[in-house]
Amino acid sequence: MGFKEWIIPQQKHFYDMLEKQADIVLEGAVALVDMAKNFENVAAKRDKIKEIESRGDNIVHTIMDELNKTFVTPFDHDDMSELTSRMDDILDFIEAASHRMWSYEIKSVPPDMVKLSEVILASAKEVNHAVKDLRNINKRNEILQHCIEINRLENVGDDIQHSSVAALFKTKDAIEVMKLKEIYEHLEEATDKCEDAADVIKDVFMKNS
């Protein structure tokens, strides 16, 4: 234990809460891929994702409450709040996309939508690993590699979304185009929020390395 940590006891339970939140985000991404790849019992799968999102909200409230009453945190107070918010955003867009798959009564999930869901899952796994590496700020290479991979996946998500939406406008069913376009946009936003979380993690690393 370093001298600073001995003088100023760090609130290590914040790591537990952040890791729990990252696990819930990953659980939501897994459920999204299952829904997209196996598009049946859609209402039940949508309800499952909503329940996961509600648990995510609960842990966010817990973290924020703890931040409001704790002076010393393992790393910068604002960075911790920002990371919590960005992970919450990931789950919010996952839930929003799944809700529209159900409420818009789409007939089937296009292959590119499945691919974009899988990109979200891959990104959520990287976010999960990166958050858990924050306990050991000496894991310099591991943290940076996770963040680099998240950035790469965000670019892949952009490409899928752009090409898919462009292809949609070549079809004649205007209503279906509007429905699918909105779902694609929510999915792509989820990859953006993964990148936002990675940016916060990189900032934490730079400030503490």
Protein backbone atom coordinates (compact mmCIF):
# COMPACT_ATOMS: atom_id res chain seq x y z
CA MET A 1 0.00 0.00 0.00
CA GLY A 2 1.37 3.42 -0.96
CA PHE A 3 1.79 6.26 1.53
CA LYS A 4 -1.06 8.25 -0.02
CA GLU A 5 -3.43 5.29 0.28
CA TRP A 6 -2.38 4.81 3.90
CA ILE A 7 -2.96 8.47 4.79
CA ILE A 8 -6.22 8.79 2.83
CA PRO A 9 -8.23 5.56 2.95
CA GLN A 10 -9.66 4.92 -0.50
CA GLN A 11 -13.28 3.83 -0.84
CA LYS A 12 -12.56 0.55 -2.62
CA HIS A 13 -16.20 -0.52 -2.63
CA PHE A 14 -16.70 1.89 -5.54
CA TYR A 15 -14.78 -0.58 -7.70
CA ASP A 16 -17.26 -3.29 -6.68
CA MET A 17 -20.19 -1.12 -7.72
CA LEU A 18 -18.65 -0.08 -11.04
CA GLU A 19 -17.83 -3.71 -11.84
CA LYS A 20 -21.37 -4.74 -10.96
CA GLN A 21 -22.69 -2.07 -13.32
CA ALA A 22 -20.35 -3.26 -16.08
CA ASP A 23 -21.63 -6.81 -15.56
CA ILE A 24 -25.23 -5.63 -15.91
CA VAL A 25 -24.38 -3.76 -19.12
CA LEU A 26 -22.78 -6.93 -20.49
CA GLU A 27 -25.85 -8.94 -19.47
CA GLY A 28 -28.01 -6.50 -21.43
CA ALA A 29 -25.81 -6.82 -24.52
CA VAL A 30 -25.99 -10.63 -24.34
CA ALA A 31 -29.79 -10.47 -24.10
CA LEU A 32 -29.92 -8.08 -27.07
CA VAL A 33 -27.94 -10.46 -29.28
CA ASP A 34 -30.19 -13.33 -28.24
CA MET A 35 -33.24 -11.29 -29.18
CA ALA A 36 -31.79 -10.24 -32.54
CA LYS A 37 -30.52 -13.70 -33.51
CA ASN A 38 -33.52 -15.64 -32.23
CA PHE A 39 -36.42 -13.33 -32.99
CA GLU A 40 -39.16 -15.22 -31.23
CA ASN A 41 -40.99 -14.72 -27.92
CA VAL A 42 -40.15 -11.09 -28.58
CA ALA A 43 -42.28 -9.60 -25.80
CA ALA A 44 -40.66 -11.83 -23.17
CA LYS A 45 -37.17 -11.00 -24.42
CA ARG A 46 -37.98 -7.32 -24.46
CA ASP A 47 -39.26 -7.59 -20.87
CA LYS A 48 -36.04 -9.34 -19.85
CA ILE A 49 -33.96 -6.49 -21.26
CA LYS A 50 -36.20 -3.95 -19.53
CA GLU A 51 -35.66 -5.78 -16.22
CA ILE A 52 -31.88 -5.72 -16.79
CA GLU A 53 -32.05 -2.01 -17.60
CA SER A 54 -33.99 -1.40 -14.37
CA ARG A 55 -31.27 -3.17 -12.36
CA GLY A 56 -28.77 -0.98 -14.17
CA ASP A 57 -30.67 2.12 -13.08
CA ASN A 58 -30.68 0.88 -9.49
CA ILE A 59 -26.90 0.47 -9.36
CA VAL A 60 -26.49 3.93 -10.95
CA HIS A 61 -28.62 5.45 -8.19
CA THR A 62 -26.58 3.59 -5.57
CA ILE A 63 -23.28 4.82 -7.02
CA MET A 64 -24.50 8.40 -7.29
CA ASP A 65 -25.80 8.35 -3.71
CA GLU A 66 -22.44 7.06 -2.48
CA LEU A 67 -20.58 9.71 -4.48
CA ASN A 68 -22.73 12.44 -2.97
CA LYS A 69 -21.77 11.45 0.56
CA THR A 70 -18.16 10.36 0.04
CA PHE A 71 -15.24 12.79 -0.02
CA VAL A 72 -12.44 10.37 -0.94
CA THR A 73 -12.91 8.08 -3.95
CA PRO A 74 -10.45 5.70 -5.67
CA PHE A 75 -10.16 8.12 -8.59
CA ASP A 76 -11.54 11.51 -9.59
CA HIS A 77 -15.11 12.04 -8.38
CA ASP A 78 -16.27 13.58 -11.68
CA ASP A 79 -14.66 10.80 -13.73
CA MET A 80 -16.43 8.19 -11.66
CA SER A 81 -19.76 9.93 -12.16
CA GLU A 82 -19.08 10.28 -15.89
CA LEU A 83 -18.14 6.61 -16.29
CA THR A 84 -21.30 5.55 -14.46
CA SER A 85 -23.42 7.78 -16.70
CA ARG A 86 -21.82 6.53 -19.91
CA MET A 87 -22.32 2.87 -18.96
CA ASP A 88 -25.93 3.72 -18.11
CA ASP A 89 -26.29 5.25 -21.59
CA ILE A 90 -25.12 2.00 -23.21
CA LEU A 91 -27.86 0.06 -21.47
CA ASP A 92 -30.46 2.75 -22.18
CA PHE A 93 -29.86 2.50 -25.93
CA ILE A 94 -29.87 -1.30 -25.81
CA GLU A 95 -33.25 -1.17 -24.07
CA ALA A 96 -34.56 1.47 -26.48
CA ALA A 97 -33.63 -0.64 -29.51
CA SER A 98 -35.17 -3.80 -28.06
CA HIS A 99 -38.35 -1.91 -27.17
CA ARG A 100 -38.74 -0.71 -30.74
CA MET A 101 -38.10 -4.17 -32.17
CA TRP A 102 -41.13 -5.22 -30.14
CA SER A 103 -43.39 -2.17 -30.30
CA TYR A 104 -42.88 -1.56 -34.03
CA GLU A 105 -43.78 -5.20 -34.70
CA ILE A 106 -40.99 -5.68 -37.18
CA LYS A 107 -41.34 -8.94 -39.12
CA SER A 108 -37.73 -10.07 -38.83
CA VAL A 109 -34.33 -8.75 -37.83
CA PRO A 110 -32.10 -7.98 -40.84
CA PRO A 111 -28.66 -9.66 -40.89
CA ASP A 112 -26.88 -6.31 -40.52
CA MET A 113 -28.92 -5.55 -37.42
CA VAL A 114 -27.75 -8.84 -35.94
CA LYS A 115 -24.15 -7.88 -36.83
CA LEU A 116 -24.54 -4.48 -35.17
CA SER A 117 -25.93 -6.16 -32.04
CA GLU A 118 -22.88 -8.42 -32.00
CA VAL A 119 -20.63 -5.35 -32.26
CA ILE A 120 -22.38 -3.94 -29.19
CA LEU A 121 -21.76 -7.20 -27.34
CA ALA A 122 -18.09 -7.23 -28.31
CA SER A 123 -17.78 -3.60 -27.17
CA ALA A 124 -19.57 -4.30 -23.89
CA LYS A 125 -17.11 -7.12 -23.19
CA GLU A 126 -14.20 -4.75 -23.71
CA VAL A 127 -15.79 -2.12 -21.47
CA ASN A 128 -16.33 -4.81 -18.84
CA HIS A 129 -12.67 -5.89 -18.96
CA ALA A 130 -11.42 -2.29 -18.90
CA VAL A 131 -13.57 -1.37 -15.89
CA LYS A 132 -12.29 -4.40 -13.99
CA ASP A 133 -8.69 -3.48 -14.84
CA LEU A 134 -9.15 -0.12 -13.11
CA ARG A 135 -8.52 -1.87 -9.78
CA ASN A 136 -4.94 -2.27 -10.92
CA ILE A 137 -3.96 0.96 -12.62
CA ASN A 138 -0.61 -0.66 -13.43
CA LYS A 139 -2.35 -2.70 -16.13
CA ARG A 140 -1.34 -0.03 -18.61
CA ASN A 141 -1.19 -2.16 -21.76
CA GLU A 142 -4.37 -4.07 -20.99
CA ILE A 143 -6.44 -0.94 -20.36
CA LEU A 144 -5.18 0.81 -23.48
CA GLN A 145 -5.76 -2.26 -25.65
CA HIS A 146 -9.35 -2.55 -24.44
CA CYS A 147 -9.93 1.12 -25.25
CA ILE A 148 -8.31 0.81 -28.69
CA GLU A 149 -10.51 -2.18 -29.49
CA ILE A 150 -13.64 -0.32 -28.39
CA ASN A 151 -12.72 2.54 -30.73
CA ARG A 152 -12.19 0.08 -33.58
CA LEU A 153 -15.54 -1.58 -32.91
CA GLU A 154 -17.27 1.80 -32.88
CA ASN A 155 -15.95 2.41 -36.40
CA VAL A 156 -17.21 -1.02 -37.46
CA GLY A 157 -20.61 -0.14 -36.00
CA ASP A 158 -20.67 3.15 -37.91
CA ASP A 159 -19.92 1.36 -41.17
CA ILE A 160 -22.67 -1.21 -40.60
CA GLN A 161 -25.20 1.45 -39.70
CA HIS A 162 -24.37 3.71 -42.65
CA SER A 163 -24.47 0.95 -45.25
CA SER A 164 -27.61 -0.60 -43.78
CA VAL A 165 -29.55 2.66 -43.72
CA ALA A 166 -28.41 3.47 -47.26
CA ALA A 167 -29.71 0.08 -48.39
CA LEU A 168 -33.03 0.68 -46.62
CA PHE A 169 -33.76 3.72 -48.77
CA LYS A 170 -33.58 1.56 -51.87
CA THR A 171 -36.70 -0.30 -50.73
CA LYS A 172 -40.28 0.82 -51.33
CA ASP A 173 -41.85 0.25 -47.92
CA ALA A 174 -41.50 3.72 -46.38
CA ILE A 175 -43.00 2.75 -43.02
CA GLU A 176 -40.65 -0.21 -42.63
CA VAL A 177 -37.73 2.02 -43.60
CA MET A 178 -38.60 4.48 -40.83
CA LYS A 179 -38.94 1.70 -38.24
CA LEU A 180 -35.68 -0.05 -39.07
CA LYS A 181 -33.75 3.21 -39.48
CA GLU A 182 -34.63 4.26 -35.94
CA ILE A 183 -33.61 0.89 -34.51
CA TYR A 184 -30.29 1.03 -36.36
CA GLU A 185 -29.68 4.50 -34.96
CA HIS A 186 -30.29 3.37 -31.38
CA LEU A 187 -27.96 0.41 -31.83
CA GLU A 188 -25.25 2.62 -33.28
CA GLU A 189 -25.66 5.04 -30.38
CA ALA A 190 -24.96 2.14 -28.02
CA THR A 191 -21.57 1.63 -29.71
CA ASP A 192 -20.92 5.38 -29.41
CA LYS A 193 -21.58 5.22 -25.69
CA CYS A 194 -19.16 2.31 -25.35
CA GLU A 195 -16.54 4.56 -26.94
CA ASP A 196 -17.51 7.38 -24.56
CA ALA A 197 -16.97 5.01 -21.62
CA ALA A 198 -13.59 4.03 -23.05
CA ASP A 199 -12.61 7.70 -23.30
CA VAL A 200 -13.39 8.21 -19.61
CA ILE A 201 -11.38 5.11 -18.70
CA LYS A 202 -8.42 6.42 -20.70
CA ASP A 203 -8.68 9.75 -18.88
CA VAL A 204 -8.68 7.96 -15.53
CA PHE A 205 -5.61 5.99 -16.56
CA MET A 206 -3.74 9.09 -17.74
CA LYS A 207 -4.50 10.98 -14.53
CA ASN A 208 -3.42 8.11 -12.28
CA SER A 209 -0.45 6.64 -14.17
